[in-house]
Every structure is written in structure tokens, then in C-alpha cells.
C-alpha atoms as a PDB file:
ATOM      1  CA  MET A   1      80.874 -70.703  44.455  1.00  0.00           C
ATOM      2  CA  PRO A   2      80.650 -71.954  48.246  1.00  0.00           C
ATOM      3  CA  PRO A   3      77.553 -72.185  50.053  1.00  0.00           C
ATOM      4  CA  PRO A   4      76.535 -68.935  52.044  1.00  0.00           C
ATOM      5  CA  THR A   5      76.708 -68.914  55.507  1.00  0.00           C
ATOM      6  CA  ALA A   6      73.060 -68.018  57.084  1.00  0.00           C
ATOM      7  CA  ALA A   7      74.477 -64.439  57.770  1.00  0.00           C
ATOM      8  CA  ALA A   8      74.810 -63.710  54.421  1.00  0.00           C
ATOM      9  CA  VAL A   9      71.391 -65.012  53.369  1.00  0.00           C
ATOM     10  CA  ALA A  10      68.857 -62.449  53.384  1.00  0.00           C
ATOM     11  CA  VAL A  11      65.093 -62.490  52.258  1.00  0.00           C
ATOM     12  CA  LEU A  12      62.613 -59.563  51.596  1.00  0.00           C
ATOM     13  CA  ASP A  13      59.236 -59.211  50.629  1.00  0.00           C
ATOM     14  CA  VAL A  14      59.847 -55.763  47.949  1.00  0.00           C
ATOM     15  CA  LEU A  15      56.358 -54.947  47.687  1.00  0.00           C
ATOM     16  CA  GLU A  16      56.455 -52.662  44.940  1.00  0.00           C
ATOM     17  CA  ARG A  17      58.229 -55.562  42.196  1.00  0.00           C
ATOM     18  CA  SER A  18      55.714 -57.857  43.566  1.00  0.00           C
ATOM     19  CA  ARG A  19      58.291 -60.300  44.352  1.00  0.00           C
ATOM     20  CA  PHE A  20      59.984 -61.875  47.372  1.00  0.00           C
ATOM     21  CA  GLU A  21      63.742 -61.774  46.546  1.00  0.00           C
ATOM     22  CA  VAL A  22      66.601 -63.848  48.031  1.00  0.00           C
ATOM     23  CA  ARG A  23      69.978 -62.089  48.536  1.00  0.00           C
ATOM     24  CA  VAL A  24      73.393 -63.153  49.237  1.00  0.00           C
ATOM     25  CA  ASP A  25      75.608 -60.130  50.829  1.00  0.00           C
ATOM     26  CA  GLY A  26      73.450 -57.981  49.543  1.00  0.00           C
ATOM     27  CA  GLU A  27      73.815 -58.963  46.032  1.00  0.00           C
ATOM     28  CA  LEU A  28      70.413 -60.518  44.249  1.00  0.00           C
ATOM     29  CA  ALA A  29      70.553 -63.772  44.096  1.00  0.00           C
ATOM     30  CA  GLY A  30      66.974 -64.790  43.002  1.00  0.00           C
ATOM     31  CA  PHE A  31      63.645 -64.291  42.951  1.00  0.00           C
ATOM     32  CA  ALA A  32      60.129 -65.837  43.650  1.00  0.00           C
ATOM     33  CA  GLU A  33      57.558 -63.647  41.822  1.00  0.00           C
ATOM     34  CA  TYR A  34      53.619 -62.880  43.154  1.00  0.00           C
ATOM     35  CA  ARG A  35      50.279 -61.581  42.298  1.00  0.00           C
ATOM     36  CA  LEU A  36      49.140 -60.508  46.117  1.00  0.00           C
ATOM     37  CA  ARG A  37      44.858 -60.245  45.522  1.00  0.00           C
ATOM     38  CA  PRO A  38      44.461 -60.530  49.362  1.00  0.00           C
ATOM     39  CA  PRO A  39      43.489 -62.817  50.883  1.00  0.00           C
ATOM     40  CA  LEU A  40      45.102 -65.093  48.373  1.00  0.00           C
ATOM     41  CA  ILE A  41      48.863 -64.928  46.668  1.00  0.00           C
ATOM     42  CA  ALA A  42      49.766 -66.583  43.532  1.00  0.00           C
ATOM     43  CA  PHE A  43      53.157 -67.564  43.337  1.00  0.00           C
ATOM     44  CA  THR A  44      53.990 -67.323  39.317  1.00  0.00           C
ATOM     45  CA  HIS A  45      57.578 -67.528  38.800  1.00  0.00           C
ATOM     46  CA  THR A  46      61.124 -68.634  40.772  1.00  0.00           C
ATOM     47  CA  LEU A  47      64.138 -67.853  39.305  1.00  0.00           C
ATOM     48  CA  ILE A  48      68.045 -68.578  41.068  1.00  0.00           C
ATOM     49  CA  ASP A  49      70.604 -66.857  39.030  1.00  0.00           C
ATOM     50  CA  PRO A  50      73.227 -69.468  37.739  1.00  0.00           C
ATOM     51  CA  ARG A  51      75.906 -68.440  39.762  1.00  0.00           C
ATOM     52  CA  PHE A  52      74.079 -69.226  42.946  1.00  0.00           C
ATOM     53  CA  GLU A  53      72.444 -72.532  41.848  1.00  0.00           C
ATOM     54  CA  GLY A  54      73.231 -76.085  43.658  1.00  0.00           C
ATOM     55  CA  GLN A  55      73.227 -73.555  47.283  1.00  0.00           C
ATOM     56  CA  GLY A  56      69.862 -74.029  48.523  1.00  0.00           C
ATOM     57  CA  LEU A  57      69.011 -70.416  48.238  1.00  0.00           C
ATOM     58  CA  ALA A  58      65.934 -71.143  46.176  1.00  0.00           C
ATOM     59  CA  THR A  59      64.224 -73.815  49.336  1.00  0.00           C
ATOM     60  CA  ARG A  60      65.316 -70.744  51.609  1.00  0.00           C
ATOM     61  CA  LEU A  61      63.925 -68.165  49.672  1.00  0.00           C
ATOM     62  CA  ILE A  62      60.275 -70.472  49.286  1.00  0.00           C
ATOM     63  CA  ARG A  63      60.226 -71.558  52.949  1.00  0.00           C
ATOM     64  CA  ALA A  64      60.485 -67.627  53.756  1.00  0.00           C
ATOM     65  CA  ALA A  65      57.808 -67.053  51.096  1.00  0.00           C
ATOM     66  CA  LEU A  66      55.816 -68.915  52.360  1.00  0.00           C
ATOM     67  CA  SER A  67      55.731 -68.430  56.191  1.00  0.00           C
ATOM     68  CA  GLU A  68      55.687 -64.930  54.800  1.00  0.00           C
ATOM     69  CA  ALA A  69      52.318 -65.840  53.634  1.00  0.00           C
ATOM     70  CA  ARG A  70      50.899 -68.114  56.622  1.00  0.00           C
ATOM     71  CA  SER A  71      51.782 -65.269  59.030  1.00  0.00           C
ATOM     72  CA  ALA A  72      49.961 -62.464  56.832  1.00  0.00           C
ATOM     73  CA  GLY A  73      47.155 -65.133  56.483  1.00  0.00           C
ATOM     74  CA  LEU A  74      46.961 -66.035  53.196  1.00  0.00           C
ATOM     75  CA  VAL A  75      45.655 -68.696  50.714  1.00  0.00           C
ATOM     76  CA  VAL A  76      48.780 -69.728  48.080  1.00  0.00           C
ATOM     77  CA  LEU A  77      48.090 -70.755  44.632  1.00  0.00           C
ATOM     78  CA  PRO A  78      51.508 -72.525  44.050  1.00  0.00           C
ATOM     79  CA  PHE A  79      51.106 -72.173  39.699  1.00  0.00           C
ATOM     80  CA  CYS A  80      55.679 -71.831  40.393  1.00  0.00           C
ATOM     81  CA  PRO A  81      56.073 -75.589  39.892  1.00  0.00           C
ATOM     82  CA  PHE A  82      59.010 -74.719  42.658  1.00  0.00           C
ATOM     83  CA  VAL A  83      56.689 -73.726  44.803  1.00  0.00           C
ATOM     84  CA  ARG A  84      54.069 -76.238  44.231  1.00  0.00           C
ATOM     85  CA  SER A  85      57.099 -79.127  43.948  1.00  0.00           C
ATOM     86  CA  TYR A  86      58.232 -77.185  47.506  1.00  0.00           C
ATOM     87  CA  ILE A  87      55.011 -77.397  49.028  1.00  0.00           C
ATOM     88  CA  ALA A  88      54.488 -81.162  47.438  1.00  0.00           C
ATOM     89  CA  GLY A  89      57.341 -82.746  50.030  1.00  0.00           C
ATOM     90  CA  HIS A  90      56.391 -80.464  52.929  1.00  0.00           C
ATOM     91  CA  THR A  91      52.828 -81.329  52.932  1.00  0.00           C
ATOM     92  CA  ALA A  92      52.819 -82.006  56.459  1.00  0.00           C
ATOM     93  CA  GLU A  93      54.052 -78.055  56.986  1.00  0.00           C
ATOM     94  CA  TYR A  94      52.061 -76.255  54.013  1.00  0.00           C
ATOM     95  CA  LEU A  95      49.685 -77.807  52.517  1.00  0.00           C
ATOM     96  CA  ASP A  96      47.556 -76.445  54.511  1.00  0.00           C
ATOM     97  CA  LEU A  97      48.266 -73.052  52.940  1.00  0.00           C
ATOM     98  CA  ALA A  98      46.884 -74.471  49.145  1.00  0.00           C
ATOM     99  CA  PRO A  99      43.184 -74.544  48.959  1.00  0.00           C
ATOM    100  CA  GLY A 100      41.410 -77.207  49.338  1.00  0.00           C
ATOM    101  CA  ASP A 101      39.105 -77.538  46.664  1.00  0.00           C
ATOM    102  CA  LEU A 102      42.164 -76.897  43.954  1.00  0.00           C
ATOM    103  CA  ARG A 103      44.267 -79.116  45.498  1.00  0.00           C
ATOM    104  CA  ASP A 104      43.833 -81.453  43.381  1.00  0.00           C
ATOM    105  CA  ALA A 105      44.064 -79.255  40.291  1.00  0.00           C
ATOM    106  CA  PHE A 106      47.867 -78.361  41.787  1.00  0.00           C
ATOM    107  CA  GLU A 107      48.677 -82.141  42.531  1.00  0.00           C
ATOM    108  CA  LEU A 108      48.725 -81.149  46.105  1.00  0.00           C
ATOM    109  CA  HIS A 109      47.718 -84.787  48.274  1.00  0.00           C
ATOM    110  CA  ALA A 110      49.004 -85.123  51.462  1.00  0.00           C
END
């Protein structure tokens, strides 16, 4: 499947399901589940449908979810390995979202 165009991809926070969803042309392509207890948001699991793998959708999903967390003033607990890896690879942009006293536990370093 060719990579979707930017216009065809949407990331939505589906509050009633406690997850961010990424959709391609309206079809669910994946999601990132979370537990929200302000001021904390704990990301627990990310999944991309195999039909949509390799298109950068997980990256777009997590980038949007972290941006939303920042906008809402939330502290991110990256229990999900993909979210944790994304933050570790983009420390300049996202490390500040993880609580300083737990960064070692999540293996997050500047």
C-alpha cells in the first residue's frame, strides 16, 4: 500500500475509548491507548494495523498525541515502548513531558 497523503491522514483523541486514533481516508489504521488522570497521561499501548505498517503512521500518531498532551499541560508517563522510544529519539522536543524524577526509570536521557 503506498504511503497516504497528509490530507488523507487524521489523528483524533477519542476520549470515550481513552485512545488517540490514526485514520487513513476515514479507516482506522491504528491507535495509542492511554490512561488519563490529570495532570498525568500514561500511554500504555500503541498498535498499527499490519495493512498500514511501514507508512510512518505510528510516528504521526505519537507526535500528535504528545503535542496534545503538551497543549493540555499533561505530564507523560511513557509505559508504551513505542512512545518511550519516540521520546528517546526526540529528546529536544519531548523529554520535558516526562517527569524528571522518573526519566531514569523510563530510560530517558538528554
